[in-house]
Amino acid sequence: MFANRVTALLGIQYPILQGAMAWIAGGGLAGAVSQAGGLGVIGAGDADRAWVEKEIRKVREATDRPFGINLMMTSPHIDDVVDLVISSGVNVVTTGGGNPGRYMEALKGAGIKVLPVVASLALAKRLSRLGADALVVEGMESGGHVGEMTTMCIVPMVVDAVDIPVIAAGGIADGRGYMAAMALGAEGVQIGTRFICAAECDVHAAYQQKVIQSRDRATVVCGAKTGHPVRAIHNRFTRQYLQAEESGATKEFLQELGRGRYPAAAVKGEVDEGSILAGQICGLINRVQPAAEIIKDLVEDARRVQKRLGE
């Protein structure tokens, strides 16, 4: 039930991609996910070449299976990181933060599969025409930077508009979500928030506990007035930020107010004054588990759902 165009394209057992969360999705997590049959992805974010190179070595110490790097187009080190990815024999890249078109020819020429993350139909069509191998289509239920469309709406729209495989993201944490994505026409899923609570994730324990303690209405979207809305778990910082937005604070003030808040939470454990990026699905997550156990649970749950629907 899991073999399809995504597994064939990426050379993986299950069409399950681990979301590339900057600051916390390093080589340890990516290696564990890939070894368990999914596609582990290093979140390069704004990191420099040396950091990414170090994390690639960690993956290769953990597994000989395919893995990926997420390239953030807004990174000041993007050119150096792209050069490293090409020279290192990385199998797959996902991309975010802009159009990867100027790197497409070089990446594909090196045999690398390119999977842009998109949140709109227009961008999905454009990147499909530019030669993307598949698309990660992300709904606004996801954590971090979000678009305006829900997963339920945007995924089937993109499936109907492009010929390449679609991987659904946003609001997926278990086998029920996986099977729902398949029903929408997707051929894989990308999961971020649940992997925050993977034992191998490079995140502060206090951050993981905030995800575990969260319920259905725990997250809010901040930053709409800056043009870069972000979903995070509600805390003292988000209250301050939303109050500033509502009072008419300038874009520059809001940008400065939010500067450094995510690593403060993720790395330092400042969960009151930091930004705890997480998706709406955090209400379904109740413990820290090894990445392999997360994938095993998801696969078994999906099989149970398939059996129930078959009956």
Protein backbone atom coordinates (compact mmCIF):
# COMPACT_ATOMS: atom_id res chain seq x y z
CA MET A 1 0.00 0.00 0.00
CA PHE A 2 3.00 2.33 0.27
CA ALA A 3 4.84 1.78 -3.02
CA ASN A 4 4.11 4.54 -5.53
CA ARG A 5 5.77 7.25 -7.63
CA VAL A 6 7.22 8.99 -4.56
CA THR A 7 8.91 5.89 -3.17
CA ALA A 8 10.27 5.05 -6.62
CA LEU A 9 11.47 8.61 -7.23
CA LEU A 10 13.25 8.95 -3.89
CA GLY A 11 14.35 5.34 -3.38
CA ILE A 12 12.61 5.02 -0.01
CA GLN A 13 10.39 2.40 1.61
CA TYR A 14 7.56 4.63 2.81
CA PRO A 15 6.41 7.91 1.19
CA ILE A 16 6.95 9.77 4.47
CA LEU A 17 9.17 12.86 4.49
CA GLN A 18 10.39 14.46 7.68
CA GLY A 19 9.82 18.20 7.70
CA ALA A 20 13.01 20.25 7.52
CA MET A 21 12.79 22.42 10.62
CA ALA A 22 15.65 24.91 10.81
CA TRP A 23 17.75 24.83 14.01
CA ILE A 24 16.38 21.45 15.11
CA ALA A 25 16.27 19.05 12.12
CA GLY A 26 19.92 18.05 11.98
CA GLY A 27 21.78 15.01 10.79
CA GLY A 28 20.85 12.87 13.79
CA LEU A 29 17.13 13.17 13.12
CA ALA A 30 17.47 12.94 9.34
CA GLY A 31 19.63 9.82 9.60
CA ALA A 32 17.17 8.11 11.96
CA VAL A 33 14.18 8.85 9.71
CA SER A 34 15.95 7.62 6.59
CA GLN A 35 17.16 4.48 8.33
CA ALA A 36 13.55 3.77 9.35
CA GLY A 37 12.37 3.86 5.73
CA GLY A 38 11.25 7.47 5.29
CA LEU A 39 13.18 10.43 3.90
CA GLY A 40 15.11 12.33 6.53
CA VAL A 41 15.78 15.96 5.67
CA ILE A 42 18.38 18.31 7.16
CA GLY A 43 16.95 21.79 7.72
CA ALA A 44 19.74 24.04 6.47
CA GLY A 45 17.89 27.29 7.18
CA ASP A 46 20.43 30.13 7.25
CA ALA A 47 23.29 27.83 8.31
CA ASP A 48 26.67 28.09 6.62
CA ARG A 49 28.43 25.47 4.53
CA ALA A 50 30.49 24.09 7.42
CA TRP A 51 27.43 23.34 9.54
CA VAL A 52 25.60 21.63 6.69
CA GLU A 53 28.69 19.57 5.86
CA LYS A 54 28.91 18.43 9.49
CA GLU A 55 25.26 17.35 9.50
CA ILE A 56 25.67 15.44 6.24
CA ARG A 57 28.46 13.44 7.88
CA LYS A 58 26.12 12.61 10.79
CA VAL A 59 23.50 11.23 8.41
CA ARG A 60 26.05 9.05 6.65
CA GLU A 61 27.28 7.69 9.95
CA ALA A 62 23.70 6.60 10.72
CA THR A 63 22.55 5.21 7.37
CA ASP A 64 23.42 4.52 3.75
CA ARG A 65 19.85 5.25 2.64
CA PRO A 66 18.69 8.34 0.70
CA PHE A 67 18.26 11.61 2.57
CA GLY A 68 17.65 15.23 1.72
CA ILE A 69 18.62 18.82 2.45
CA ASN A 70 16.16 21.68 2.69
CA LEU A 71 17.49 24.75 0.89
CA MET A 72 16.18 28.10 2.08
CA MET A 73 16.33 30.51 -0.85
CA THR A 74 16.65 33.52 1.47
CA SER A 75 19.77 32.18 3.20
CA PRO A 76 22.88 34.39 2.90
CA HIS A 77 24.83 31.15 2.33
CA ILE A 78 22.57 29.65 -0.31
CA ASP A 79 25.16 29.60 -3.12
CA ASP A 80 27.77 27.86 -0.96
CA VAL A 81 25.25 25.34 0.37
CA VAL A 82 24.00 24.51 -3.13
CA ASP A 83 27.61 23.92 -4.23
CA LEU A 84 28.12 21.63 -1.23
CA VAL A 85 24.94 19.67 -1.93
CA ILE A 86 25.98 19.10 -5.54
CA SER A 87 29.51 18.04 -4.66
CA SER A 88 28.43 15.81 -1.75
CA GLY A 89 26.17 13.47 -3.68
CA VAL A 90 23.02 14.37 -1.74
CA ASN A 91 19.99 12.56 -3.17
CA VAL A 92 17.16 15.05 -2.71
CA VAL A 93 16.53 18.70 -1.92
CA THR A 94 13.37 20.34 -0.74
CA THR A 95 13.22 24.11 -1.09
CA GLY A 96 11.49 26.97 0.66
CA GLY A 97 11.55 30.72 1.02
CA GLY A 98 11.27 31.52 -2.67
CA ASN A 99 11.63 30.22 -6.20
CA PRO A 100 14.49 27.72 -6.70
CA GLY A 101 14.44 28.22 -10.47
CA ARG A 102 17.96 29.62 -10.77
CA TYR A 103 19.41 26.47 -9.17
CA MET A 104 17.15 23.94 -10.89
CA GLU A 105 19.40 23.16 -13.86
CA ALA A 106 22.52 22.66 -11.74
CA LEU A 107 20.73 20.49 -9.16
CA LYS A 108 18.97 18.30 -11.69
CA GLY A 109 22.15 18.08 -13.77
CA ALA A 110 23.80 16.50 -10.71
CA GLY A 111 21.03 13.90 -10.50
CA ILE A 112 19.41 15.52 -7.46
CA LYS A 113 15.64 15.31 -7.11
CA VAL A 114 14.11 18.75 -6.48
CA LEU A 115 10.94 19.01 -4.36
CA PRO A 116 9.84 22.61 -3.74
CA VAL A 117 7.48 23.36 -0.85
CA VAL A 118 4.50 25.38 -2.10
CA ALA A 119 1.42 26.88 -0.50
CA SER A 120 -0.45 28.12 -3.58
CA LEU A 121 -1.74 26.73 -6.86
CA ALA A 122 -0.01 29.38 -8.96
CA LEU A 123 3.44 28.60 -7.55
CA ALA A 124 2.80 24.86 -7.87
CA LYS A 125 2.05 25.22 -11.58
CA ARG A 126 5.05 27.45 -12.16
CA LEU A 127 7.54 25.14 -10.44
CA SER A 128 6.10 22.10 -12.17
CA ARG A 129 6.81 23.78 -15.50
CA LEU A 130 10.35 24.62 -14.34
CA GLY A 131 11.13 20.94 -13.84
CA ALA A 132 10.36 20.11 -10.21
CA ASP A 133 10.33 16.34 -9.69
CA ALA A 134 7.52 16.48 -7.12
CA LEU A 135 5.83 19.12 -4.98
CA VAL A 136 5.38 19.35 -1.22
CA VAL A 137 2.02 21.10 -0.92
CA GLU A 138 1.63 22.65 2.51
CA GLY A 139 -1.57 23.81 4.14
CA MET A 140 -1.87 26.53 6.75
CA GLU A 141 -2.29 23.97 9.56
CA SER A 142 1.50 23.56 9.55
CA GLY A 143 3.93 25.14 11.98
CA GLY A 144 6.30 27.95 11.06
CA HIS A 145 5.67 30.03 7.95
CA VAL A 146 2.18 29.42 6.59
CA GLY A 147 0.08 30.25 3.55
CA GLU A 148 -3.64 30.95 3.36
CA MET A 149 -5.08 27.64 2.11
CA THR A 150 -5.90 24.58 4.18
CA THR A 151 -4.39 21.19 3.33
CA MET A 152 -7.85 19.79 2.56
CA CYS A 153 -8.39 22.46 -0.12
CA ILE A 154 -4.96 23.08 -1.67
CA VAL A 155 -3.79 19.48 -2.08
CA PRO A 156 -6.54 18.28 -4.47
CA MET A 157 -6.34 21.54 -6.43
CA VAL A 158 -2.64 20.99 -7.08
CA VAL A 159 -3.14 17.26 -7.78
CA ASP A 160 -5.62 18.19 -10.52
CA ALA A 161 -3.31 20.82 -12.00
CA VAL A 162 0.07 19.03 -12.30
CA ASP A 163 1.33 15.68 -13.58
CA ILE A 164 4.14 15.21 -11.03
CA PRO A 165 3.66 13.59 -7.60
CA VAL A 166 2.21 15.67 -4.80
CA ILE A 167 3.28 15.26 -1.16
CA ALA A 168 0.79 16.65 1.36
CA ALA A 169 1.95 18.64 4.38
CA GLY A 170 0.24 20.48 7.22
CA GLY A 171 -1.96 18.86 9.86
CA ILE A 172 -0.64 15.31 9.41
CA ALA A 173 0.76 13.34 12.36
CA ASP A 174 -0.55 9.78 12.15
CA GLY A 175 -1.89 7.07 9.88
CA ARG A 176 -5.32 8.68 9.70
CA GLY A 177 -3.75 11.85 8.32
CA TYR A 178 -1.67 9.79 5.91
CA MET A 179 -4.71 7.99 4.53
CA ALA A 180 -6.66 11.25 4.28
CA ALA A 181 -3.83 12.72 2.21
CA MET A 182 -3.93 9.69 -0.10
CA ALA A 183 -7.69 10.19 -0.51
CA LEU A 184 -7.00 13.77 -1.63
CA GLY A 185 -4.72 12.48 -4.37
CA ALA A 186 -1.34 12.92 -2.69
CA GLU A 187 1.29 10.20 -3.03
CA GLY A 188 3.18 11.01 0.14
CA VAL A 189 3.17 13.12 3.28
CA GLN A 190 5.59 15.48 4.95
CA ILE A 191 5.46 15.53 8.75
CA GLY A 192 7.15 18.19 10.84
CA THR A 193 5.53 18.78 14.21
CA ARG A 194 5.42 15.13 15.30
CA PHE A 195 9.15 14.82 14.59
CA ILE A 196 9.80 17.71 16.99
CA CYS A 197 9.10 15.06 19.61
CA ALA A 198 11.48 12.53 18.11
CA ALA A 199 14.21 11.49 20.53
CA GLU A 200 16.86 12.34 17.91
CA CYS A 201 15.60 15.89 17.29
CA ASP A 202 18.11 18.62 18.21
CA VAL A 203 15.59 20.65 20.19
CA HIS A 204 15.42 21.69 23.84
CA ALA A 205 13.40 19.36 26.06
CA ALA A 206 11.27 22.28 27.27
CA TYR A 207 10.16 22.90 23.68
CA GLN A 208 9.14 19.26 23.29
CA GLN A 209 7.16 19.42 26.51
CA LYS A 210 5.25 22.49 25.30
CA VAL A 211 4.24 20.57 22.17
CA ILE A 212 3.15 17.56 24.27
CA GLN A 213 1.14 19.75 26.66
CA SER A 214 -0.67 21.59 23.86
CA ARG A 215 -4.31 21.06 23.01
CA ASP A 216 -6.56 21.78 20.03
CA ARG A 217 -6.47 25.61 20.20
CA ALA A 218 -2.89 25.98 21.37
CA THR A 219 -1.48 27.66 18.26
CA VAL A 220 -1.88 31.15 16.84
CA VAL A 221 -0.68 32.89 13.68
CA CYS A 222 1.52 35.95 14.14
CA GLY A 223 3.08 38.25 11.58
CA ALA A 224 0.23 38.62 9.10
CA LYS A 225 0.91 42.37 8.88
CA THR A 226 4.55 41.79 7.96
CA GLY A 227 3.57 39.59 5.03
CA HIS A 228 5.25 36.57 6.64
CA PRO A 229 2.67 34.87 8.88
CA VAL A 230 4.00 32.24 11.27
CA ARG A 231 2.15 29.61 13.33
CA ALA A 232 3.42 29.09 16.89
CA ILE A 233 2.19 27.85 20.24
CA HIS A 234 0.52 30.66 22.19
CA ASN A 235 2.65 32.02 25.04
CA ARG A 236 3.77 35.29 26.62
CA PHE A 237 5.71 36.29 23.50
CA THR A 238 2.83 35.68 21.07
CA ARG A 239 0.50 37.69 23.30
CA GLN A 240 2.96 40.58 23.21
CA TYR A 241 3.40 40.26 19.46
CA LEU A 242 -0.32 40.06 18.66
CA GLN A 243 -1.02 43.06 20.88
CA ALA A 244 1.63 45.02 18.98
CA GLU A 245 0.08 43.99 15.66
CA GLU A 246 -3.39 44.99 16.80
CA SER A 247 -2.14 48.37 18.06
CA GLY A 248 -0.75 49.25 14.63
CA ALA A 249 2.97 48.70 15.24
CA THR A 250 5.18 49.20 12.19
CA LYS A 251 6.51 46.32 10.14
CA GLU A 252 10.04 47.24 11.27
CA PHE A 253 9.05 47.15 14.94
CA LEU A 254 7.38 43.76 14.53
CA GLN A 255 10.38 42.32 12.71
CA GLU A 256 12.69 43.47 15.49
CA LEU A 257 10.32 42.15 18.15
CA GLY A 258 10.40 38.69 16.59
CA ARG A 259 14.12 38.56 15.85
CA GLY A 260 15.86 35.53 17.35
CA ARG A 261 12.76 34.28 19.17
CA TYR A 262 12.64 30.87 17.47
CA PRO A 263 16.20 29.76 18.32
CA ALA A 264 15.67 31.19 21.80
CA ALA A 265 12.90 28.62 22.29
CA ALA A 266 14.29 25.74 20.23
CA VAL A 267 17.92 25.89 21.36
CA LYS A 268 17.82 27.66 24.73
CA GLY A 269 14.44 26.44 25.97
CA GLU A 270 13.01 29.92 26.52
CA VAL A 271 9.42 28.79 26.01
CA ASP A 272 7.77 31.86 27.51
CA GLU A 273 9.66 34.56 25.64
CA GLY A 274 10.61 32.50 22.57
CA SER A 275 8.66 31.47 19.49
CA ILE A 276 7.56 27.82 19.71
CA LEU A 277 6.86 26.99 16.08
CA ALA A 278 4.44 24.05 15.80
CA GLY A 279 1.44 22.99 13.76
CA GLN A 280 -2.19 22.67 14.81
CA ILE A 281 -1.72 18.90 14.99
CA CYS A 282 0.33 19.24 18.19
CA GLY A 283 -2.81 18.35 20.16
CA LEU A 284 -2.39 14.74 18.95
CA ILE A 285 1.21 14.40 20.14
CA ASN A 286 1.62 13.03 23.67
CA ARG A 287 5.17 11.70 24.11
CA VAL A 288 8.77 11.74 22.94
CA GLN A 289 9.62 8.68 20.80
CA PRO A 290 12.49 7.46 18.63
CA ALA A 291 11.98 8.45 14.99
CA ALA A 292 11.81 4.80 13.96
CA GLU A 293 8.94 4.23 16.40
CA ILE A 294 7.07 7.24 15.02
CA ILE A 295 7.28 5.84 11.50
CA LYS A 296 6.35 2.34 12.66
CA ASP A 297 3.29 3.68 14.50
CA LEU A 298 2.22 5.72 11.49
CA VAL A 299 2.58 2.78 9.08
CA GLU A 300 0.67 0.40 11.35
CA ASP A 301 -2.04 2.99 11.94
CA ALA A 302 -2.44 3.56 8.19
CA ARG A 303 -2.82 -0.18 7.64
CA ARG A 304 -5.53 -0.32 10.32
CA VAL A 305 -7.37 2.53 8.64
CA GLN A 306 -7.12 0.80 5.26
CA LYS A 307 -8.49 -2.41 6.73
CA ARG A 308 -11.37 -0.58 8.42
CA LEU A 309 -12.29 1.24 5.21
CA GLY A 310 -12.08 -2.01 3.28
CA GLU A 311 -14.59 -3.58 5.60
